Amino acid sequence: EIELQAGSPLGLLDFADRMLEEIPFRIGAQSKAERGYALAARNAGGESGPVRARDIGLKGREDAHRAFAAIISETSGQVHANESGFLTGDDPEYLHQMRVGLRRLRLALALPRDEAWVEASRPLRDRLRRLSRQLGEARNWDVFVHEILRPMLAHCGPQQLAGLRVRAWRQRAAALAAARQAVRSSETTRLWLDLARLMVSRGVAPDDVAGAGVLAAQSLDRHYRQLQARLGDPDGTDRLHQLRISA
């Protein structure tokens, strides 16, 4: 545990960055009390389970800087909250919720339209996209073996698809191992340190936005116009699928 008692948070992040060069570690999001409660729950035979997206509880008149910081904290928190379950458990929902959190975080970082912020956050958003793709390979195999292969086995019988089942589970195991290695890597730890550094050093929202309601209205209006521009002729399932992704 590293604690900042005085001075700039950048000093703490610099120290963590130097320590990471010698000691591989991951960012822990739980307090000591939360870790204690989690241990007690496991000892009692229960687990908290995967953490889904929660209502952040923003107010329309809330300062946009604080609102944006709350959004970043909640979206990154969803990723961290599912990390331990993903690394040590078998429930595929942990991986799914990590990817949901990463997607929300990437979208949140793109909310401010200030040119300096867009430029400063672009490398971080690219790294988050790469991490999401690494997890996405394992998620694709999770979906295949749990949601596609199981009904096929039930319909066709296990003997007819025995070879496919073995190959699919082998591919899933390899993709899962690679995804876990990516999450444990020092590169991913440094990504979270750099996110904190960006939030501390660059500010968190354009100065000319009066409040969270204004920021939300501008963002929704912009995205709605973009969706209208992409709409075109929505005939056909492929076109509707692409439209759904855009939405």
Protein backbone atom coordinates (compact mmCIF):
# COMPACT_ATOMS: atom_id res chain seq x y z
CA GLU A 1 0.00 0.00 0.00
CA ILE A 2 1.34 3.43 -0.97
CA GLU A 3 -0.11 6.44 0.81
CA LEU A 4 0.24 10.09 -0.12
CA GLN A 5 0.37 12.22 3.03
CA ALA A 6 1.37 15.52 1.41
CA GLY A 7 2.32 17.00 -1.94
CA SER A 8 1.29 16.30 -5.51
CA PRO A 9 -0.26 12.93 -6.43
CA LEU A 10 2.17 12.88 -9.35
CA GLY A 11 4.96 12.14 -6.86
CA LEU A 12 3.13 9.03 -5.69
CA LEU A 13 2.58 7.91 -9.29
CA ASP A 14 6.24 8.51 -10.12
CA PHE A 15 7.26 6.35 -7.14
CA ALA A 16 4.86 3.57 -8.19
CA ASP A 17 6.22 3.76 -11.73
CA ARG A 18 9.80 3.31 -10.49
CA MET A 19 8.77 0.47 -8.18
CA LEU A 20 7.05 -1.33 -11.06
CA GLU A 21 10.42 -1.58 -12.83
CA GLU A 22 11.68 -3.84 -10.02
CA ILE A 23 8.56 -5.38 -8.43
CA PRO A 24 5.71 -6.69 -10.60
CA PHE A 25 2.41 -5.69 -9.01
CA ARG A 26 -1.20 -5.03 -9.95
CA ILE A 27 -3.46 -2.17 -8.89
CA GLY A 28 -5.79 -3.12 -6.04
CA ALA A 29 -9.12 -1.31 -5.87
CA GLN A 30 -10.31 -2.70 -2.53
CA SER A 31 -9.77 -1.08 0.85
CA LYS A 32 -8.46 -3.17 3.74
CA ALA A 33 -12.01 -3.38 5.13
CA GLU A 34 -13.40 -4.56 1.79
CA ARG A 35 -10.69 -7.23 1.54
CA GLY A 36 -11.57 -8.39 5.05
CA TYR A 37 -15.26 -8.64 4.26
CA ALA A 38 -14.48 -10.53 1.03
CA LEU A 39 -12.32 -13.03 2.94
CA ALA A 40 -15.04 -13.48 5.56
CA ALA A 41 -17.65 -14.09 2.84
CA ARG A 42 -15.48 -16.75 1.20
CA ASN A 43 -14.86 -18.42 4.56
CA ALA A 44 -18.64 -18.52 5.03
CA GLY A 45 -19.03 -20.17 1.65
CA GLY A 46 -20.29 -17.14 -0.27
CA GLU A 47 -18.84 -14.89 -3.00
CA SER A 48 -19.77 -11.41 -4.11
CA GLY A 49 -19.88 -12.46 -7.77
CA PRO A 50 -19.29 -10.42 -10.96
CA VAL A 51 -19.79 -6.66 -10.67
CA ARG A 52 -22.04 -5.10 -13.29
CA ALA A 53 -22.36 -1.46 -14.31
CA ARG A 54 -23.91 0.67 -11.59
CA ASP A 55 -25.83 3.93 -11.59
CA ILE A 56 -23.30 6.69 -10.97
CA GLY A 57 -25.99 9.00 -9.61
CA LEU A 58 -24.98 12.21 -11.38
CA LYS A 59 -27.04 15.40 -11.12
CA GLY A 60 -27.70 17.63 -14.10
CA ARG A 61 -26.32 20.72 -12.36
CA GLU A 62 -23.25 18.95 -11.02
CA ASP A 63 -19.89 20.42 -11.97
CA ALA A 64 -18.74 18.77 -15.21
CA HIS A 65 -15.22 18.19 -13.89
CA ARG A 66 -16.51 16.25 -10.87
CA ALA A 67 -19.06 14.40 -12.96
CA PHE A 68 -16.41 13.32 -15.44
CA ALA A 69 -14.08 12.18 -12.64
CA ALA A 70 -16.95 10.15 -11.15
CA ILE A 71 -17.60 8.50 -14.52
CA ILE A 72 -13.93 7.56 -14.96
CA SER A 73 -13.77 6.25 -11.39
CA GLU A 74 -16.89 4.10 -11.81
CA THR A 75 -15.99 2.66 -15.22
CA SER A 76 -12.40 1.81 -14.26
CA GLY A 77 -13.71 0.52 -10.93
CA GLN A 78 -15.92 -1.98 -12.73
CA VAL A 79 -12.86 -3.39 -14.48
CA HIS A 80 -10.86 -3.68 -11.25
CA ALA A 81 -13.79 -5.17 -9.32
CA ASN A 82 -13.99 -8.13 -11.73
CA GLU A 83 -10.26 -8.62 -12.16
CA SER A 84 -9.64 -11.01 -9.26
CA GLY A 85 -12.62 -13.20 -10.17
CA PHE A 86 -11.41 -13.36 -13.77
CA LEU A 87 -7.87 -14.35 -12.77
CA THR A 88 -8.81 -16.99 -10.22
CA GLY A 89 -12.37 -18.15 -10.99
CA ASP A 90 -14.20 -20.08 -13.68
CA ASP A 91 -17.30 -17.90 -14.11
CA PRO A 92 -17.10 -16.40 -17.65
CA GLU A 93 -19.21 -13.44 -16.48
CA TYR A 94 -16.15 -11.87 -14.81
CA LEU A 95 -14.43 -11.58 -18.18
CA HIS A 96 -17.59 -10.26 -19.80
CA GLN A 97 -18.00 -7.55 -17.17
CA MET A 98 -14.33 -6.57 -17.44
CA ARG A 99 -14.83 -6.00 -21.15
CA VAL A 100 -18.01 -4.02 -20.49
CA GLY A 101 -16.06 -1.84 -18.06
CA LEU A 102 -13.23 -1.32 -20.56
CA ARG A 103 -15.71 -0.32 -23.26
CA ARG A 104 -17.45 2.14 -20.92
CA LEU A 105 -14.10 3.59 -19.87
CA ARG A 106 -12.96 4.11 -23.47
CA LEU A 107 -16.23 5.85 -24.32
CA ALA A 108 -15.97 7.98 -21.18
CA LEU A 109 -12.46 9.16 -22.07
CA ALA A 110 -13.80 10.31 -25.44
CA LEU A 111 -16.56 12.46 -23.92
CA PRO A 112 -14.67 15.78 -23.62
CA ARG A 113 -14.14 17.40 -27.01
CA ASP A 114 -11.39 19.79 -25.91
CA GLU A 115 -8.57 19.37 -28.47
CA ALA A 116 -5.83 19.21 -25.84
CA TRP A 117 -7.70 16.49 -23.95
CA VAL A 118 -8.45 14.48 -27.09
CA GLU A 119 -4.77 14.54 -28.06
CA ALA A 120 -3.53 13.71 -24.55
CA SER A 121 -5.99 10.83 -24.05
CA ARG A 122 -5.62 9.23 -27.48
CA PRO A 123 -2.58 7.01 -26.61
CA LEU A 124 -4.34 5.75 -23.50
CA ARG A 125 -7.54 5.01 -25.41
CA ASP A 126 -5.49 3.07 -27.97
CA ARG A 127 -3.89 0.97 -25.22
CA LEU A 128 -7.28 0.29 -23.66
CA ARG A 129 -8.52 -0.83 -27.08
CA ARG A 130 -5.60 -3.26 -27.40
CA LEU A 131 -6.29 -4.69 -23.95
CA SER A 132 -9.96 -5.08 -24.82
CA ARG A 133 -9.04 -6.98 -27.98
CA GLN A 134 -6.78 -9.30 -25.99
CA LEU A 135 -9.67 -10.09 -23.65
CA GLY A 136 -12.06 -10.26 -26.58
CA GLU A 137 -10.42 -13.39 -28.01
CA ALA A 138 -11.06 -15.26 -24.75
CA ARG A 139 -14.59 -13.86 -24.56
CA ASN A 140 -15.36 -15.10 -28.08
CA TRP A 141 -14.35 -18.64 -27.10
CA ASP A 142 -16.38 -18.35 -23.88
CA VAL A 143 -19.46 -17.51 -25.93
CA PHE A 144 -18.77 -20.34 -28.37
CA VAL A 145 -18.28 -23.13 -25.81
CA HIS A 146 -20.99 -22.01 -23.38
CA GLU A 147 -23.71 -20.54 -25.61
CA ILE A 148 -23.24 -22.20 -29.00
CA LEU A 149 -21.48 -25.52 -28.48
CA ARG A 150 -23.58 -26.70 -25.52
CA PRO A 151 -26.92 -26.51 -27.41
CA MET A 152 -25.22 -28.20 -30.38
CA LEU A 153 -24.03 -31.04 -28.14
CA ALA A 154 -27.51 -31.41 -26.66
CA HIS A 155 -29.07 -31.54 -30.13
CA CYS A 156 -26.52 -33.71 -31.96
CA GLY A 157 -25.17 -35.79 -29.10
CA PRO A 158 -21.70 -35.64 -27.54
CA GLN A 159 -20.22 -38.42 -29.67
CA GLN A 160 -20.85 -36.69 -32.99
CA LEU A 161 -19.13 -33.46 -31.86
CA ALA A 162 -16.48 -34.91 -29.54
CA GLY A 163 -13.59 -33.71 -31.69
CA LEU A 164 -15.01 -30.23 -32.05
CA ARG A 165 -15.61 -30.02 -28.30
CA VAL A 166 -12.02 -30.96 -27.48
CA ARG A 167 -10.58 -28.47 -29.98
CA ALA A 168 -12.90 -25.67 -28.86
CA TRP A 169 -12.08 -26.08 -25.17
CA ARG A 170 -8.38 -26.25 -26.01
CA GLN A 171 -8.64 -22.99 -27.95
CA ARG A 172 -10.58 -21.40 -25.09
CA ALA A 173 -7.95 -22.47 -22.55
CA ALA A 174 -5.15 -20.95 -24.67
CA ALA A 175 -7.05 -17.69 -25.21
CA LEU A 176 -7.94 -17.49 -21.51
CA ALA A 177 -4.31 -18.01 -20.48
CA ALA A 178 -3.19 -15.25 -22.86
CA ALA A 179 -5.87 -12.87 -21.57
CA ARG A 180 -4.93 -13.51 -17.95
CA GLN A 181 -1.27 -12.96 -18.77
CA ALA A 182 -2.18 -9.61 -20.35
CA VAL A 183 -4.14 -8.53 -17.25
CA ARG A 184 -1.27 -9.55 -14.93
CA SER A 185 1.37 -7.83 -17.04
CA SER A 186 3.33 -4.80 -15.94
CA GLU A 187 2.18 -3.10 -19.14
CA THR A 188 -1.42 -3.22 -17.92
CA THR A 189 -0.45 -1.98 -14.45
CA ARG A 190 1.37 0.94 -16.07
CA LEU A 191 -1.75 1.64 -18.14
CA TRP A 192 -3.75 2.22 -14.92
CA LEU A 193 -0.96 4.38 -13.49
CA ASP A 194 -0.94 6.44 -16.69
CA LEU A 195 -4.72 6.83 -16.50
CA ALA A 196 -4.35 8.27 -13.00
CA ARG A 197 -1.54 10.52 -14.21
CA LEU A 198 -3.68 11.79 -17.08
CA MET A 199 -6.57 12.61 -14.75
CA VAL A 200 -4.30 14.42 -12.30
CA SER A 201 -2.16 16.35 -14.77
CA ARG A 202 -4.52 17.23 -17.64
CA GLY A 203 -7.78 18.03 -15.91
CA VAL A 204 -10.94 16.15 -16.66
CA ALA A 205 -13.31 18.24 -18.78
CA PRO A 206 -13.47 21.32 -21.00
CA ASP A 207 -13.48 24.60 -19.08
CA ASP A 208 -16.39 26.04 -21.05
CA VAL A 209 -18.93 23.38 -19.98
CA ALA A 210 -21.21 24.70 -17.25
CA GLY A 211 -22.40 21.40 -15.83
CA ALA A 212 -22.92 17.69 -16.29
CA GLY A 213 -26.34 18.24 -17.91
CA VAL A 214 -24.82 20.46 -20.59
CA LEU A 215 -21.99 17.98 -21.21
CA ALA A 216 -24.49 15.11 -21.49
CA ALA A 217 -26.78 17.02 -23.87
CA GLN A 218 -23.87 17.99 -26.13
CA SER A 219 -22.52 14.44 -26.20
CA LEU A 220 -25.89 12.81 -26.90
CA ASP A 221 -26.68 15.34 -29.62
CA ARG A 222 -23.33 14.77 -31.29
CA HIS A 223 -23.66 10.97 -31.24
CA TYR A 224 -27.26 11.14 -32.46
CA ARG A 225 -26.21 13.21 -35.47
CA GLN A 226 -23.43 10.72 -36.22
CA LEU A 227 -25.90 7.84 -36.04
CA GLN A 228 -28.30 9.63 -38.37
CA ALA A 229 -25.47 10.13 -40.86
CA ARG A 230 -24.71 6.39 -40.79
CA LEU A 231 -28.34 5.30 -40.97
CA GLY A 232 -28.80 5.26 -44.74
CA ASP A 233 -30.94 2.36 -45.89
CA PRO A 234 -31.19 -0.11 -42.96
CA ASP A 235 -32.52 -2.98 -45.09
CA GLY A 236 -30.85 -6.33 -44.51
CA THR A 237 -29.61 -8.06 -41.38
CA ASP A 238 -25.96 -7.13 -41.96
CA ARG A 239 -26.85 -3.46 -42.25
CA LEU A 240 -29.05 -3.58 -39.16
CA HIS A 241 -26.26 -5.33 -37.24
CA GLN A 242 -23.76 -2.59 -38.15
CA LEU A 243 -26.35 0.04 -37.18
CA ARG A 244 -26.84 -1.63 -33.80
CA ILE A 245 -23.07 -1.59 -33.19
CA SER A 246 -22.93 2.09 -34.09
CA ALA A 247 -25.81 2.86 -31.73
